[in-house]
Structure formats: C-alpha cells, structure tokens
C-alpha cells in the first residue's frame, strides 16, 4: 500500500536509547527475581524490595520515552515562545539531532532560515543521521527552510556574527569536560550577531553554562527553574548578546526566573 503524502509524521527518535534499554532490562530482570524469591524461596520482603526497584527502573524508562516523544516538544515550544521570533531570522541549532528543535524553529520562520549542526551520535539519539533530519523536515513541510551540516559544536564552520539566534537542546551535556563545553559556548557566542539571542535547554550543567557565558561578557542572562513536566527535568537558559559598543549595556547581567522572554 502506497503512503499518501502528508500521512506520515516526523520521527525524532529516542534520547539516550542505551540508558532506556538498560532501565527496561533491569526492571524486567528485577521483576523476574522478585517472582523467583516469592515462589521458590518465600522471601516476601526481599521480593517486595525487588518489585519496588523494578517499578522504579520501568517507570524511569517510560518517563524517558514519554519525554523523548512528547515532553521535550512541550519544552522546546516554550523556549521558542520566549525567544519571540519575528520570522526573518537566521537560526543555528547546535546539536540538532533528528531535528525536533530545528524544525519547530523553521515552522516559525517566513523568510528566515534554520541551520542544524551535529556529529550524529547514535548513542545520544536513536537513528541519528542527517538523512533522518532532512526526511523529518520534508514530512513537516519545512525542507526549504532548513539545512544540516556535519560539524562539532567546539569548532563551528561559520564566520563570526553569522546568526541572529543560536539554540541548543539536550546536546551540550554530551560534551565531556567543562573546558570542552566552554569551547562550544564560546563558539556559539562567536557566530552570534550583536544583539542576537542564545537559548539552551539541557538536563545538566546549565548553571555552569550561565557562569561561563557571563565570564565571556555575553550580555543579559535569564536562567529558568527546572521543569518537572519532563524526566529528567530540563532547565532553560536565555541570553542576549551585548550590542555593538555604544548601543546598549556595557556589562553582563544575570537573573533567575521562570517564563521570562528576550523580546
């Protein structure tokens, strides 16, 4: 049977698929051990302990699956709402993966363009590849508004002050070592135009990102509180780069808030 155009939806894969598999396998094994302890050895309390931890493992695995498919999209849309895009921006998505953030940004662009870069690690996201991202963009109807490039966040292949907006979702924590993450943040700031915006959504190191960007004199920073609508909880960081000298604030400022916008 032929697939009708528009009948398929983008498939953004599963984040940290290895972790999800381990949690599910651990839950199943602990459940089996609990049954053996209960039936063969009549060790009720030990069986109950195994059942509890089996439930924890399976619950975390299901929560991570739900976040990958649904919850992350909610948080991405909330982050893009905070950016208040006009529709003509040049947007860069650092660590775009299969394109959920990239495509959601492209949906909000009229004459602008969204570029995604990634090293395409299947360990970080199942089925991660540029072809998968391009296919998702086609299915979402925004293929002409996006492009994808293989590149490392620590060495972006773009001239300085190239983009109006730089975004990243669940990517920077995969870079090992604070100094290496600092290099990626420095590159994101380098390719951003004066007065441009950075938005980062991640599950770890977000306070570190805020401190490092402040040390780089990035400009105005807004650090959101952890969102417990997803698992693991995600935290958002919004940054506005200082305008050219004489056009705005001379020093960086930081605040901690929930739901602020960088209009």
Protein backbone atom coordinates (compact mmCIF):
# COMPACT_ATOMS: atom_id res chain seq x y z
CA UNK A 1 0.00 0.00 0.00
CA UNK A 2 1.39 3.38 -1.02
CA UNK A 3 1.93 6.04 1.66
CA UNK A 4 -0.06 9.15 0.89
CA UNK A 5 1.80 12.46 1.01
CA UNK A 6 1.38 14.11 4.39
CA UNK A 7 0.14 10.92 6.07
CA UNK A 8 3.43 10.31 7.91
CA UNK A 9 4.71 12.43 10.75
CA UNK A 10 8.33 13.23 11.64
CA UNK A 11 10.05 10.62 13.81
CA UNK A 12 12.51 12.21 16.23
CA UNK A 13 13.81 9.00 17.77
CA UNK A 14 14.61 8.27 21.41
CA UNK A 15 17.12 10.20 23.50
CA UNK A 16 19.81 8.15 25.29
CA UNK A 17 18.49 4.84 23.87
CA UNK A 18 21.16 2.82 25.70
CA UNK A 19 20.05 4.18 29.07
CA UNK A 20 16.41 3.41 28.27
CA UNK A 21 17.29 -0.17 27.28
CA UNK A 22 19.30 -0.73 30.46
CA UNK A 23 16.47 0.60 32.65
CA UNK A 24 13.88 -1.58 30.92
CA UNK A 25 16.07 -4.67 31.07
CA UNK A 26 16.87 -4.00 34.73
CA UNK A 27 13.18 -3.64 35.52
CA UNK A 28 12.29 -6.91 33.79
CA UNK A 29 15.16 -8.82 35.47
CA UNK A 30 14.29 -7.47 38.91
CA UNK A 31 10.68 -8.47 38.35
CA UNK A 32 11.77 -11.98 37.44
CA UNK A 33 14.00 -12.21 40.50
CA UNK A 34 11.09 -11.00 42.67
CA UNK A 35 8.86 -13.79 41.36
CA UNK A 36 11.57 -16.39 42.00
CA UNK A 37 12.14 -15.11 45.55
CA UNK A 38 8.42 -15.15 46.24
CA UNK A 39 7.51 -18.52 44.71
CA UNK A 40 10.64 -20.62 45.24
CA UNK A 41 12.09 -19.20 48.46
CA UNK A 42 9.10 -17.46 50.04
CA UNK A 43 11.25 -14.41 50.85
CA UNK A 44 8.39 -11.93 50.79
CA UNK A 45 10.17 -8.78 51.97
CA UNK A 46 13.13 -9.28 49.65
CA UNK A 47 10.70 -9.92 46.80
CA UNK A 48 8.86 -6.70 47.64
CA UNK A 49 12.19 -4.82 47.58
CA UNK A 50 12.93 -6.19 44.09
CA UNK A 51 9.43 -5.31 42.88
CA UNK A 52 9.81 -1.73 44.11
CA UNK A 53 13.11 -1.25 42.28
CA UNK A 54 11.73 -2.98 39.19
CA UNK A 55 8.93 -0.41 39.21
CA UNK A 56 11.45 2.43 39.60
CA UNK A 57 13.51 1.22 36.64
CA UNK A 58 10.50 0.67 34.38
CA UNK A 59 8.93 3.96 35.48
CA UNK A 60 12.08 5.92 34.65
CA UNK A 61 12.36 4.20 31.27
CA UNK A 62 8.73 5.03 30.41
CA UNK A 63 9.21 8.62 31.61
CA UNK A 64 12.27 9.00 29.37
CA UNK A 65 10.35 7.58 26.40
CA UNK A 66 7.47 10.00 27.05
CA UNK A 67 9.90 12.92 27.32
CA UNK A 68 11.59 12.00 24.03
CA UNK A 69 8.26 11.79 22.20
CA UNK A 70 6.08 14.42 23.90
CA UNK A 71 7.53 16.28 26.85
CA UNK A 72 10.64 17.58 25.09
CA UNK A 73 8.45 19.09 22.37
CA UNK A 74 6.46 21.00 25.02
CA UNK A 75 9.68 22.43 26.47
CA UNK A 76 11.07 23.30 23.03
CA UNK A 77 7.93 25.21 22.10
CA UNK A 78 8.04 27.05 25.42
CA UNK A 79 11.66 28.03 24.80
CA UNK A 80 10.89 29.28 21.29
CA UNK A 81 7.96 31.28 22.67
CA UNK A 82 10.43 33.00 25.00
CA UNK A 83 12.62 34.00 22.04
CA UNK A 84 9.76 35.90 20.33
CA UNK A 85 10.97 35.25 16.77
CA UNK A 86 9.96 37.72 14.05
CA UNK A 87 10.21 35.19 11.20
CA UNK A 88 13.16 36.60 9.25
CA UNK A 89 15.97 35.33 11.49
CA UNK A 90 18.94 33.17 10.61
CA UNK A 91 18.83 30.41 13.27
CA UNK A 92 21.54 27.92 14.22
CA UNK A 93 20.70 24.72 16.13
CA UNK A 94 23.81 23.28 17.79
CA UNK A 95 23.46 19.51 18.20
CA UNK A 96 20.25 19.34 16.17
CA UNK A 97 19.95 15.54 16.15
CA UNK A 98 16.92 14.37 14.18
CA UNK A 99 15.58 17.92 14.08
CA UNK A 100 12.82 18.46 16.66
CA UNK A 101 14.09 21.92 17.70
CA UNK A 102 15.39 22.75 14.23
CA UNK A 103 12.03 22.02 12.60
CA UNK A 104 9.99 23.77 15.29
CA UNK A 105 12.15 26.86 14.77
CA UNK A 106 11.74 26.62 10.99
CA UNK A 107 7.94 26.46 11.38
CA UNK A 108 8.11 29.96 12.91
CA UNK A 109 10.19 31.42 10.07
CA UNK A 110 8.74 33.09 6.99
CA UNK A 111 11.77 34.47 5.14
CA UNK A 112 14.42 33.23 7.60
CA UNK A 113 16.43 30.00 7.56
CA UNK A 114 17.40 27.40 10.17
CA UNK A 115 20.73 25.56 10.05
CA UNK A 116 21.46 22.47 12.13
CA UNK A 117 24.86 21.06 13.01
CA UNK A 118 25.64 17.73 14.66
CA UNK A 119 28.20 14.94 14.84
CA UNK A 120 25.33 12.41 14.50
CA UNK A 121 25.99 10.17 17.50
CA UNK A 122 23.54 7.23 17.64
CA UNK A 123 24.47 6.77 21.31
CA UNK A 124 22.87 10.12 22.16
CA UNK A 125 19.80 9.67 19.95
CA UNK A 126 18.48 6.61 18.13
CA UNK A 127 18.79 6.64 14.35
CA UNK A 128 20.65 9.95 14.40
CA UNK A 129 21.73 10.98 10.91
CA UNK A 130 21.48 13.97 8.54
CA UNK A 131 19.25 11.94 6.22
CA UNK A 132 16.78 11.34 9.07
CA UNK A 133 16.73 15.07 9.86
CA UNK A 134 16.16 16.03 6.24
CA UNK A 135 13.36 13.48 5.93
CA UNK A 136 11.70 14.84 9.07
CA UNK A 137 11.92 18.35 7.64
CA UNK A 138 10.30 17.14 4.42
CA UNK A 139 7.48 15.46 6.32
CA UNK A 140 6.96 18.66 8.36
CA UNK A 141 6.81 20.77 5.19
CA UNK A 142 9.83 22.95 6.03
CA UNK A 143 12.57 21.29 3.95
CA UNK A 144 13.24 24.50 2.02
CA UNK A 145 13.79 26.42 5.27
CA UNK A 146 16.42 24.16 6.84
CA UNK A 147 19.89 22.85 6.09
CA UNK A 148 22.05 20.40 8.03
CA UNK A 149 25.83 20.25 8.30
CA UNK A 150 28.19 17.79 9.97
CA UNK A 151 30.20 19.85 12.44
CA UNK A 152 31.45 19.86 16.02
CA UNK A 153 29.99 22.45 18.39
CA UNK A 154 33.51 23.27 19.53
CA UNK A 155 34.59 24.31 16.03
CA UNK A 156 31.65 25.76 14.13
CA UNK A 157 32.33 26.23 10.39
CA UNK A 158 30.78 29.69 10.17
CA UNK A 159 32.13 33.25 10.14
CA UNK A 160 31.75 35.40 13.22
CA UNK A 161 28.41 37.18 13.77
CA UNK A 162 26.61 35.00 11.21
CA UNK A 163 23.34 34.16 13.06
CA UNK A 164 20.54 36.10 14.72
CA UNK A 165 19.63 33.22 17.05
CA UNK A 166 21.59 30.21 18.33
CA UNK A 167 19.72 27.39 20.08
CA UNK A 168 20.59 24.00 21.56
CA UNK A 169 18.53 21.25 23.19
CA UNK A 170 19.91 18.28 25.15
CA UNK A 171 23.24 18.44 23.34
CA UNK A 172 25.93 20.31 25.26
CA UNK A 173 25.91 17.95 28.26
CA UNK A 174 27.15 15.20 25.91
CA UNK A 175 30.46 17.10 25.52
CA UNK A 176 32.85 15.70 28.14
CA UNK A 177 34.80 18.13 30.29
CA UNK A 178 33.97 21.67 31.38
CA UNK A 179 36.70 23.22 29.25
CA UNK A 180 35.35 21.48 26.14
CA UNK A 181 31.80 22.67 26.91
CA UNK A 182 33.24 26.16 27.43
CA UNK A 183 34.76 25.98 23.93
CA UNK A 184 31.34 25.16 22.49
CA UNK A 185 29.72 28.09 24.32
CA UNK A 186 32.46 30.41 23.11
CA UNK A 187 31.84 29.27 19.54
CA UNK A 188 28.07 29.79 19.90
CA UNK A 189 28.72 33.32 21.12
CA UNK A 190 31.24 33.97 18.34
CA UNK A 191 28.83 33.16 15.49
CA UNK A 192 26.01 35.19 17.08
CA UNK A 193 25.35 38.72 15.86
CA UNK A 194 25.50 41.61 18.36
CA UNK A 195 22.07 41.89 19.95
CA UNK A 196 21.30 38.27 18.99
CA UNK A 197 19.86 35.59 21.27
CA UNK A 198 21.05 32.25 22.61
CA UNK A 199 18.62 29.70 24.07
CA UNK A 200 19.81 26.47 25.70
CA UNK A 201 17.67 23.65 27.08
CA UNK A 202 19.54 20.92 28.94
CA UNK A 203 19.36 18.44 31.82
CA UNK A 204 22.78 19.17 33.36
CA UNK A 205 25.45 21.88 33.67
CA UNK A 206 23.02 24.74 32.90
CA UNK A 207 24.26 26.87 35.81
CA UNK A 208 27.77 26.21 34.51
CA UNK A 209 26.75 27.49 31.08
CA UNK A 210 25.36 30.66 32.67
CA UNK A 211 28.58 31.28 34.63
CA UNK A 212 30.78 30.65 31.60
CA UNK A 213 28.73 32.90 29.31
CA UNK A 214 28.72 35.61 31.94
CA UNK A 215 32.51 35.31 32.15
CA UNK A 216 32.57 35.80 28.36
CA UNK A 217 30.60 39.06 28.79
CA UNK A 218 27.71 37.56 26.85
CA UNK A 219 25.14 40.13 28.00
CA UNK A 220 21.74 39.66 29.62
CA UNK A 221 21.13 36.16 31.00
CA UNK A 222 17.90 34.62 32.25
CA UNK A 223 18.20 31.24 33.97
CA UNK A 224 14.94 29.35 34.27
CA UNK A 225 13.99 26.97 37.05
CA UNK A 226 13.99 23.20 36.39
CA UNK A 227 10.88 21.99 34.59
CA UNK A 228 9.44 18.92 36.29
CA UNK A 229 6.99 18.24 33.46
CA UNK A 230 9.67 16.02 31.90
CA UNK A 231 12.18 13.41 33.07
CA UNK A 232 14.96 14.09 33.64
CA UNK A 233 13.96 17.70 34.50
CA UNK A 234 15.16 20.27 31.96
CA UNK A 235 16.36 23.79 32.59
CA UNK A 236 16.38 26.73 30.17
CA UNK A 237 18.97 29.47 29.74
CA UNK A 238 18.24 32.58 27.67
CA UNK A 239 20.98 35.01 26.64
CA UNK A 240 21.02 38.26 24.71
CA UNK A 241 24.44 39.16 23.32
CA UNK A 242 25.63 42.67 24.01
CA UNK A 243 25.00 45.04 21.09
CA UNK A 244 27.92 46.76 19.39
CA UNK A 245 29.80 49.19 21.60
CA UNK A 246 27.74 52.24 22.49
CA UNK A 247 24.40 50.67 21.56
CA UNK A 248 23.46 49.08 24.85
CA UNK A 249 24.59 47.75 28.21
CA UNK A 250 28.30 47.71 28.85
CA UNK A 251 28.28 44.87 31.39
CA UNK A 252 26.60 41.48 31.63
CA UNK A 253 23.69 40.94 33.96
CA UNK A 254 22.15 37.70 35.17
CA UNK A 255 18.84 36.78 36.75
CA UNK A 256 16.97 33.64 37.70
CA UNK A 257 13.34 33.49 36.62
CA UNK A 258 10.61 31.31 35.16
CA UNK A 259 8.99 32.10 31.82
CA UNK A 260 10.84 35.34 31.06
CA UNK A 261 11.24 36.36 27.45
CA UNK A 262 14.01 38.03 25.48
CA UNK A 263 11.88 40.23 23.25
